[in-house]
């Protein structure tokens, strides 16, 4: 009676050694990492590079021995700019692929789509893009900017003498939650600064919109009423026809400055930027930053793009969400090492207070309670080569305010990550 279990155990060991066992020993020796970015559709222009940056970061970590002695195994899925499909793919990553963490999403509508899935299954999502705030989930770490780390300082800059002393504001965005909530915050901010409703225009276009001729003509008309700035929360490939139309109609930064919150080096790669010189973007990182950490980061990315023969690799660029992806993955690896496990609850605890020396040149800290990074704020001017010259920045990292004080009732909300449902 005792010999059969012993024989079975011996046989299982032999099969493992020969590689014939149905459950691979190698699978148990890797840590699966989900990558959830649109590789097709309207958002592919922005998200594909984040997928590639995630793969580069994982390769770097694996080259140094991995995490907890195990190699990281990326599992890449394409939700195809289809917001309900994000939830489906997120569930697949957590329940079928059994990943320990997911890095992904760009638009807030995609993040809102997957959020109930991650809270239900106690998954862990790292979200690398600036957003509208108004969220603080225990199942998400936000490595992009909250409004007080991007949108609010940008508008205050535009109102200053250095920024052109704008008196009127044309708020142009893609029609979904991020632009609408951000503009709600900015309207309230502008009201406190004495800007009247008649001096604020608010226009939205659908994802994938390509005809900006009438809108740009309306911007020109609106600007005749006084010093005007455009706040752009246009997302995805719609930025290409919008910026081309600005050039076509001769709108220059000296007349009507445009500050973008979702346009970086990657989005400008396909555009002749000479007519856009002087236009602005607000981020927490630019490729042009001159420091040793960034030089190494940019060099590694360009070498990786060439080695992997990525599309248009000779013009490969880094940008803010790519840096946030890089920081997030490295910070997660540090937290797993500290926790000694990939267990979500223990990694969540270990993330509190994690620091990382980022390509921005600053040491970034994950807040101990609100799941957001303390980040520097920078405003850059478009140059003729598609890069940005930083014209303004904070003295150091700024703590995020996920609950904006410009939205009624937020003052009473707790400064700690809590489930949304």
Protein backbone atom coordinates (compact mmCIF):
# COMPACT_ATOMS: atom_id res chain seq x y z
CA UNK A 1 0.00 0.00 0.00
CA UNK A 2 2.85 2.40 0.71
CA UNK A 3 4.82 1.61 -2.49
CA UNK A 4 2.32 3.18 -4.97
CA UNK A 5 2.59 6.82 -3.74
CA UNK A 6 6.37 6.43 -3.66
CA UNK A 7 6.41 5.11 -7.23
CA UNK A 8 4.14 7.93 -8.36
CA UNK A 9 6.38 10.56 -6.78
CA UNK A 10 9.47 8.98 -8.37
CA UNK A 11 7.77 8.89 -11.78
CA UNK A 12 6.70 12.54 -11.47
CA UNK A 13 10.25 13.57 -10.63
CA UNK A 14 11.60 11.66 -13.64
CA UNK A 15 9.03 13.24 -15.96
CA UNK A 16 9.92 16.71 -14.67
CA UNK A 17 13.58 16.09 -15.37
CA UNK A 18 12.87 14.88 -18.91
CA UNK A 19 10.47 17.72 -19.65
CA UNK A 20 7.53 15.37 -20.32
CA UNK A 21 5.44 16.38 -17.34
CA UNK A 22 2.31 18.29 -18.50
CA UNK A 23 2.99 21.14 -16.05
CA UNK A 24 6.28 22.74 -17.00
CA UNK A 25 8.79 23.30 -14.22
CA UNK A 26 9.87 26.44 -16.09
CA UNK A 27 6.40 28.00 -15.73
CA UNK A 28 6.66 27.72 -11.96
CA UNK A 29 10.05 29.39 -12.09
CA UNK A 30 8.85 32.58 -13.81
CA UNK A 31 6.83 35.52 -12.57
CA UNK A 32 4.15 36.43 -15.10
CA UNK A 33 3.68 40.12 -15.86
CA UNK A 34 0.67 41.37 -17.86
CA UNK A 35 0.96 44.17 -20.44
CA UNK A 36 -2.41 45.69 -21.32
CA UNK A 37 -2.02 48.32 -24.05
CA UNK A 38 -3.80 49.10 -27.32
CA UNK A 39 -1.61 47.92 -30.19
CA UNK A 40 -4.28 48.73 -32.78
CA UNK A 41 -7.01 51.36 -33.16
CA UNK A 42 -6.97 55.08 -32.39
CA UNK A 43 -4.75 54.81 -29.28
CA UNK A 44 -2.04 52.61 -30.83
CA UNK A 45 -0.04 55.75 -31.76
CA UNK A 46 0.48 56.40 -28.04
CA UNK A 47 0.27 52.96 -26.41
CA UNK A 48 2.46 50.76 -28.61
CA UNK A 49 5.62 52.44 -27.33
CA UNK A 50 4.51 51.75 -23.73
CA UNK A 51 4.25 48.04 -24.52
CA UNK A 52 7.74 48.13 -26.02
CA UNK A 53 9.12 50.10 -23.06
CA UNK A 54 7.61 47.54 -20.67
CA UNK A 55 9.31 44.73 -22.59
CA UNK A 56 12.65 46.58 -22.51
CA UNK A 57 12.37 47.18 -18.76
CA UNK A 58 11.50 43.52 -18.13
CA UNK A 59 14.49 42.45 -20.25
CA UNK A 60 16.78 44.74 -18.22
CA UNK A 61 15.52 43.28 -14.93
CA UNK A 62 15.90 39.72 -16.24
CA UNK A 63 19.46 40.46 -17.38
CA UNK A 64 20.27 41.39 -13.76
CA UNK A 65 18.91 38.09 -12.44
CA UNK A 66 15.17 38.76 -12.38
CA UNK A 67 13.13 39.14 -9.21
CA UNK A 68 13.33 36.75 -6.25
CA UNK A 69 15.64 34.60 -8.36
CA UNK A 70 13.00 34.18 -11.07
CA UNK A 71 12.78 35.60 -14.58
CA UNK A 72 9.87 37.89 -15.44
CA UNK A 73 7.65 36.48 -18.19
CA UNK A 74 5.66 39.15 -20.09
CA UNK A 75 2.14 38.33 -21.28
CA UNK A 76 1.07 40.86 -23.93
CA UNK A 77 -2.56 41.38 -24.95
CA UNK A 78 -4.16 43.90 -27.35
CA UNK A 79 -7.46 45.47 -26.22
CA UNK A 80 -7.45 47.35 -29.55
CA UNK A 81 -8.71 50.76 -28.30
CA UNK A 82 -11.97 48.96 -27.45
CA UNK A 83 -12.94 50.03 -23.93
CA UNK A 84 -15.12 47.02 -22.93
CA UNK A 85 -12.42 44.73 -24.32
CA UNK A 86 -9.98 46.16 -21.76
CA UNK A 87 -12.09 44.62 -18.98
CA UNK A 88 -12.26 41.29 -20.82
CA UNK A 89 -8.50 41.21 -21.44
CA UNK A 90 -7.79 42.31 -17.87
CA UNK A 91 -9.89 39.43 -16.54
CA UNK A 92 -8.10 37.04 -18.91
CA UNK A 93 -4.70 38.16 -17.63
CA UNK A 94 -5.68 37.67 -13.99
CA UNK A 95 -7.74 34.46 -14.20
CA UNK A 96 -6.36 32.52 -17.18
CA UNK A 97 -2.81 33.77 -17.60
CA UNK A 98 -2.38 34.06 -13.82
CA UNK A 99 -0.20 37.17 -13.96
CA UNK A 100 1.02 38.69 -10.68
CA UNK A 101 0.76 42.30 -11.87
CA UNK A 102 -0.46 44.27 -14.89
CA UNK A 103 1.06 47.36 -16.46
CA UNK A 104 -1.29 49.13 -18.80
CA UNK A 105 -4.12 51.41 -19.99
CA UNK A 106 -3.81 54.94 -21.34
CA UNK A 107 -7.25 56.54 -21.49
CA UNK A 108 -9.27 56.94 -18.32
CA UNK A 109 -12.18 55.16 -19.96
CA UNK A 110 -9.98 52.07 -20.38
CA UNK A 111 -8.84 52.31 -16.76
CA UNK A 112 -12.44 52.76 -15.56
CA UNK A 113 -13.35 49.69 -17.62
CA UNK A 114 -10.80 47.41 -15.94
CA UNK A 115 -11.03 48.87 -12.43
CA UNK A 116 -14.00 46.74 -11.21
CA UNK A 117 -12.22 43.61 -12.48
CA UNK A 118 -9.02 44.37 -10.57
CA UNK A 119 -10.94 45.25 -7.40
CA UNK A 120 -13.09 42.11 -7.65
CA UNK A 121 -10.13 39.78 -8.22
CA UNK A 122 -7.64 41.73 -6.06
CA UNK A 123 -5.32 42.25 -9.00
CA UNK A 124 -2.64 44.94 -9.19
CA UNK A 125 -2.57 47.53 -12.00
CA UNK A 126 0.15 50.11 -12.62
CA UNK A 127 -1.28 53.03 -14.63
CA UNK A 128 1.39 55.21 -16.31
CA UNK A 129 -0.48 58.19 -17.76
CA UNK A 130 -1.58 61.61 -16.51
CA UNK A 131 -5.29 61.64 -15.70
CA UNK A 132 -8.15 63.60 -14.15
CA UNK A 133 -7.80 62.31 -10.58
CA UNK A 134 -11.02 61.63 -8.67
CA UNK A 135 -9.90 58.06 -7.99
CA UNK A 136 -7.72 56.28 -5.47
CA UNK A 137 -8.06 52.50 -5.66
CA UNK A 138 -6.10 50.07 -3.48
CA UNK A 139 -5.67 47.94 -6.63
CA UNK A 140 -4.03 50.68 -8.74
CA UNK A 141 -0.73 52.51 -8.48
CA UNK A 142 -0.82 55.74 -10.48
CA UNK A 143 2.62 56.60 -11.86
CA UNK A 144 1.37 59.42 -14.14
CA UNK A 145 0.31 62.90 -13.02
CA UNK A 146 -2.77 64.04 -11.10
CA UNK A 147 -4.23 67.45 -12.12
CA UNK A 148 -2.11 69.39 -9.63
CA UNK A 149 1.00 67.81 -11.17
CA UNK A 150 0.18 68.89 -14.75
CA UNK A 151 -3.07 70.65 -15.74
CA UNK A 152 -3.32 73.23 -12.95
CA UNK A 153 0.33 74.41 -13.06
CA UNK A 154 0.10 74.62 -16.88
CA UNK A 155 -2.89 76.96 -16.77
CA UNK A 156 -1.29 79.07 -14.05
CA UNK A 157 1.80 79.34 -16.26
CA UNK A 158 -0.28 80.50 -19.25
CA UNK A 159 -1.83 83.22 -17.08
CA UNK A 160 1.59 84.46 -15.93
CA UNK A 161 3.64 87.07 -17.79
CA UNK A 162 6.21 84.44 -18.78
CA UNK A 163 3.45 82.27 -20.25
CA UNK A 164 1.82 85.04 -22.26
CA UNK A 165 -0.70 86.45 -19.74
CA UNK A 166 -3.70 84.67 -21.30
CA UNK A 167 -7.16 86.05 -20.47
CA UNK A 168 -9.32 83.73 -22.59
CA UNK A 169 -9.21 79.93 -22.79
CA UNK A 170 -10.32 77.51 -25.51
CA UNK A 171 -10.68 74.04 -23.93
CA UNK A 172 -10.44 71.40 -26.68
CA UNK A 173 -10.64 67.72 -25.82
CA UNK A 174 -11.59 64.22 -26.89
CA UNK A 175 -15.08 63.38 -25.65
CA UNK A 176 -14.60 61.14 -22.62
CA UNK A 177 -14.07 61.29 -18.87
CA UNK A 178 -10.48 62.60 -18.69
CA UNK A 179 -10.93 65.79 -20.76
CA UNK A 180 -14.38 66.55 -19.33
CA UNK A 181 -13.34 66.12 -15.69
CA UNK A 182 -10.05 67.97 -16.21
CA UNK A 183 -11.91 70.87 -17.81
CA UNK A 184 -14.42 70.89 -14.96
CA UNK A 185 -11.47 71.37 -12.60
CA UNK A 186 -9.89 74.01 -14.85
CA UNK A 187 -13.16 75.97 -15.18
CA UNK A 188 -13.37 76.14 -11.39
CA UNK A 189 -9.72 77.21 -11.20
CA UNK A 190 -10.22 79.93 -13.84
CA UNK A 191 -13.30 81.19 -12.01
CA UNK A 192 -11.20 81.70 -8.84
CA UNK A 193 -8.79 83.73 -11.02
CA UNK A 194 -11.59 86.03 -12.19
CA UNK A 195 -12.07 84.57 -15.69
CA UNK A 196 -15.68 84.97 -16.86
CA UNK A 197 -17.70 82.18 -18.52
CA UNK A 198 -17.81 84.16 -21.78
CA UNK A 199 -14.02 83.94 -21.90
CA UNK A 200 -14.03 80.13 -21.79
CA UNK A 201 -14.99 78.00 -24.80
CA UNK A 202 -15.31 74.21 -24.40
CA UNK A 203 -15.36 71.85 -27.43
CA UNK A 204 -15.12 68.05 -27.68
CA UNK A 205 -14.52 65.69 -30.59
CA UNK A 206 -14.89 61.88 -30.75
CA UNK A 207 -11.95 59.45 -30.65
CA UNK A 208 -10.33 59.22 -34.07
CA UNK A 209 -11.66 62.62 -35.20
CA UNK A 210 -9.68 63.94 -38.17
CA UNK A 211 -11.31 67.13 -39.51
CA UNK A 212 -10.18 70.10 -37.41
CA UNK A 213 -10.60 72.81 -40.07
CA UNK A 214 -13.75 74.37 -38.58
CA UNK A 215 -12.53 74.04 -34.99
CA UNK A 216 -9.19 75.74 -35.72
CA UNK A 217 -11.05 78.50 -37.59
CA UNK A 218 -13.23 78.97 -34.48
CA UNK A 219 -10.10 79.17 -32.31
CA UNK A 220 -8.89 82.04 -34.53
CA UNK A 221 -12.24 83.84 -34.18
CA UNK A 222 -12.33 83.31 -30.40
CA UNK A 223 -8.78 84.64 -30.03
CA UNK A 224 -9.82 87.95 -31.58
CA UNK A 225 -11.53 88.75 -28.27
CA UNK A 226 -8.31 88.99 -26.25
CA UNK A 227 -5.17 87.08 -25.32
CA UNK A 228 -6.14 83.45 -25.80
CA UNK A 229 -4.59 80.09 -24.96
CA UNK A 230 -5.76 76.64 -26.05
CA UNK A 231 -5.82 73.81 -23.50
CA UNK A 232 -5.69 70.55 -25.46
CA UNK A 233 -6.82 67.25 -23.98
CA UNK A 234 -7.10 65.68 -27.43
CA UNK A 235 -5.93 62.05 -27.23
CA UNK A 236 -4.54 59.50 -29.67
CA UNK A 237 -4.07 59.84 -33.42
CA UNK A 238 -6.43 62.85 -33.63
CA UNK A 239 -3.48 64.98 -32.52
CA UNK A 240 -1.83 64.58 -35.92
CA UNK A 241 -4.61 66.29 -37.98
CA UNK A 242 -5.19 68.87 -35.21
CA UNK A 243 -1.57 70.04 -35.20
CA UNK A 244 -1.37 69.90 -38.99
CA UNK A 245 -4.43 72.17 -39.19
CA UNK A 246 -2.87 74.64 -36.75
CA UNK A 247 0.06 74.87 -39.16
CA UNK A 248 -2.21 75.10 -42.22
CA UNK A 249 -4.12 78.06 -40.76
CA UNK A 250 -0.97 79.83 -39.61
CA UNK A 251 -1.69 79.78 -35.87
CA UNK A 252 1.63 80.43 -34.16
CA UNK A 253 2.58 80.04 -30.53
CA UNK A 254 3.33 83.75 -30.23
CA UNK A 255 -0.31 84.54 -31.13
CA UNK A 256 -2.27 81.63 -29.60
CA UNK A 257 -0.22 79.25 -27.44
CA UNK A 258 -1.50 75.68 -27.28
CA UNK A 259 -0.60 73.62 -24.22
CA UNK A 260 -1.17 69.88 -24.61
CA UNK A 261 -1.56 67.31 -21.84
CA UNK A 262 -1.46 64.22 -24.08
CA UNK A 263 1.09 65.15 -26.75
CA UNK A 264 4.70 64.21 -26.30
CA UNK A 265 7.68 63.25 -28.41
CA UNK A 266 6.00 60.07 -29.72
CA UNK A 267 2.89 61.88 -31.04
CA UNK A 268 5.06 64.53 -32.75
CA UNK A 269 7.14 61.93 -34.61
CA UNK A 270 4.73 61.92 -37.57
CA UNK A 271 4.35 65.69 -37.88
CA UNK A 272 6.38 68.51 -39.42
CA UNK A 273 6.96 70.41 -36.18
CA UNK A 274 8.50 73.53 -37.72
CA UNK A 275 5.12 75.39 -37.83
CA UNK A 276 4.55 74.32 -34.21
CA UNK A 277 7.76 75.70 -32.72
CA UNK A 278 6.98 77.35 -29.38
CA UNK A 279 3.75 75.42 -28.74
CA UNK A 280 3.68 73.85 -25.30
CA UNK A 281 3.21 70.57 -23.49
CA UNK A 282 3.01 69.96 -19.75
CA UNK A 283 4.53 66.73 -18.44
CA UNK A 284 6.77 65.39 -15.68
CA UNK A 285 9.55 64.27 -18.05
CA UNK A 286 11.00 65.16 -21.45
CA UNK A 287 13.57 63.26 -23.51
CA UNK A 288 15.71 66.41 -23.81
CA UNK A 289 16.50 66.52 -20.07
CA UNK A 290 20.27 66.58 -19.65
CA UNK A 291 21.33 64.35 -16.79
CA UNK A 292 23.30 61.07 -16.56
CA UNK A 293 20.29 58.89 -15.65
CA UNK A 294 18.31 60.17 -18.63
CA UNK A 295 21.23 59.83 -21.02
CA UNK A 296 21.53 56.17 -20.03
CA UNK A 297 17.74 55.68 -20.32
CA UNK A 298 17.47 57.29 -23.76
CA UNK A 299 20.55 55.43 -25.01
CA UNK A 300 19.19 52.09 -23.79
CA UNK A 301 15.83 52.75 -25.48
CA UNK A 302 17.36 53.70 -28.84
CA UNK A 303 19.62 50.62 -28.73
CA UNK A 304 16.65 48.40 -27.84
CA UNK A 305 14.52 49.87 -30.65
CA UNK A 306 17.31 49.17 -33.15
CA UNK A 307 18.01 45.65 -31.83
CA UNK A 308 14.31 44.74 -32.01
CA UNK A 309 13.89 46.50 -35.37
CA UNK A 310 10.94 48.49 -34.06
CA UNK A 311 9.03 50.56 -36.66
CA UNK A 312 10.90 53.78 -37.50
CA UNK A 313 13.60 52.84 -34.98
CA UNK A 314 16.07 55.46 -36.34
CA UNK A 315 13.74 58.15 -34.94
CA UNK A 316 12.89 56.32 -31.70
CA UNK A 317 12.06 58.72 -28.86
CA UNK A 318 11.22 58.51 -25.18
CA UNK A 319 8.36 60.37 -23.53
CA UNK A 320 6.63 60.91 -20.20
CA UNK A 321 4.33 57.83 -20.09
CA UNK A 322 7.27 55.68 -21.20
CA UNK A 323 9.32 56.99 -18.28
CA UNK A 324 6.36 56.38 -15.95
CA UNK A 325 6.13 52.80 -17.26
CA UNK A 326 9.85 52.28 -16.65
CA UNK A 327 9.68 53.73 -13.13
CA UNK A 328 6.54 51.71 -12.29
CA UNK A 329 7.97 48.35 -13.31
CA UNK A 330 11.25 48.96 -11.48
CA UNK A 331 9.44 50.19 -8.38
CA UNK A 332 7.16 47.11 -8.40
CA UNK A 333 10.27 44.87 -8.67
CA UNK A 334 11.77 46.65 -5.64
CA UNK A 335 8.54 46.15 -3.68
CA UNK A 336 8.38 42.44 -4.56
CA UNK A 337 11.99 42.06 -3.44
CA UNK A 338 11.21 43.86 -0.18
CA UNK A 339 8.07 41.77 0.41
CA UNK A 340 9.80 38.52 -0.54
CA UNK A 341 6.69 37.53 -2.50
CA UNK A 342 4.42 38.58 -5.37
CA UNK A 343 1.36 38.40 -3.07
CA UNK A 344 -0.71 41.47 -3.94
CA UNK A 345 -1.51 42.51 -0.36
CA UNK A 346 2.13 42.27 0.70
CA UNK A 347 3.43 44.03 -2.41
CA UNK A 348 0.87 46.81 -1.88
CA UNK A 349 2.23 47.36 1.63
CA UNK A 350 5.82 47.26 0.37
CA UNK A 351 5.08 49.89 -2.33
CA UNK A 352 4.34 52.56 0.29
CA UNK A 353 7.30 54.94 0.41
CA UNK A 354 9.28 53.21 -2.36
CA UNK A 355 11.74 55.55 -4.07
CA UNK A 356 13.38 55.43 -7.48
CA UNK A 357 15.96 57.67 -9.17
CA UNK A 358 14.11 58.46 -12.39
CA UNK A 359 15.30 59.64 -15.81
CA UNK A 360 13.65 62.99 -15.00
CA UNK A 361 16.66 63.57 -12.76
CA UNK A 362 14.59 63.45 -9.58
CA UNK A 363 14.16 60.78 -6.94
CA UNK A 364 10.46 59.89 -7.12
CA UNK A 365 8.56 58.60 -4.09
CA UNK A 366 5.42 56.49 -4.00
CA UNK A 367 3.15 58.19 -1.50
CA UNK A 368 2.55 56.15 1.65
CA UNK A 369 -1.23 56.46 1.48
CA UNK A 370 -2.63 57.73 -1.85
CA UNK A 371 -0.93 55.35 -4.35
CA UNK A 372 0.40 58.26 -6.46
CA UNK A 373 3.97 59.29 -7.20
CA UNK A 374 5.44 62.58 -6.01
CA UNK A 375 6.56 64.07 -9.35
CA UNK A 376 8.19 67.25 -10.69
CA UNK A 377 6.13 69.38 -13.09
CA UNK A 378 7.66 70.67 -16.34
CA UNK A 379 6.45 72.75 -19.28
CA UNK A 380 8.26 72.33 -22.56
CA UNK A 381 8.24 74.23 -25.86
CA UNK A 382 8.14 72.31 -29.13
CA UNK A 383 11.38 72.60 -31.10
CA UNK A 384 11.87 72.18 -34.83
CA UNK A 385 13.25 68.65 -34.36
CA UNK A 386 10.20 67.43 -32.42
CA UNK A 387 11.92 67.67 -29.04
CA UNK A 388 10.98 70.01 -26.17
CA UNK A 389 12.90 72.78 -24.48
CA UNK A 390 11.90 73.04 -20.81
CA UNK A 391 10.82 76.63 -20.10
CA UNK A 392 9.41 76.14 -16.59
CA UNK A 393 9.62 73.54 -13.85
CA UNK A 394 8.96 73.08 -10.16
CA UNK A 395 11.86 73.11 -7.71
CA UNK A 396 11.26 69.46 -6.87
CA UNK A 397 8.69 66.67 -6.81
CA UNK A 398 5.08 67.65 -5.98
CA UNK A 399 2.74 65.45 -3.95
CA UNK A 400 -0.34 64.42 -5.93
CA UNK A 401 -3.83 65.62 -5.00
CA UNK A 402 -6.09 62.93 -6.49
CA UNK A 403 -9.16 64.64 -4.98
CA UNK A 404 -8.98 68.09 -6.53
CA UNK A 405 -9.90 70.95 -4.17
CA UNK A 406 -11.66 72.56 -7.17
CA UNK A 407 -14.40 69.91 -7.12
CA UNK A 408 -17.11 70.35 -4.49
CA UNK A 409 -17.13 67.81 -1.66
CA UNK A 410 -13.58 66.56 -2.18
CA UNK A 411 -12.26 68.21 0.99
CA UNK A 412 -14.10 65.58 3.05
CA UNK A 413 -12.72 62.57 1.17
CA UNK A 414 -10.06 60.43 2.90
CA UNK A 415 -6.48 60.66 1.70
CA UNK A 416 -6.11 56.89 1.46
CA UNK A 417 -6.75 54.40 -1.33
CA UNK A 418 -10.22 52.85 -1.01
CA UNK A 419 -12.30 50.63 -3.29
CA UNK A 420 -14.52 52.49 -5.75
CA UNK A 421 -17.50 50.18 -5.39
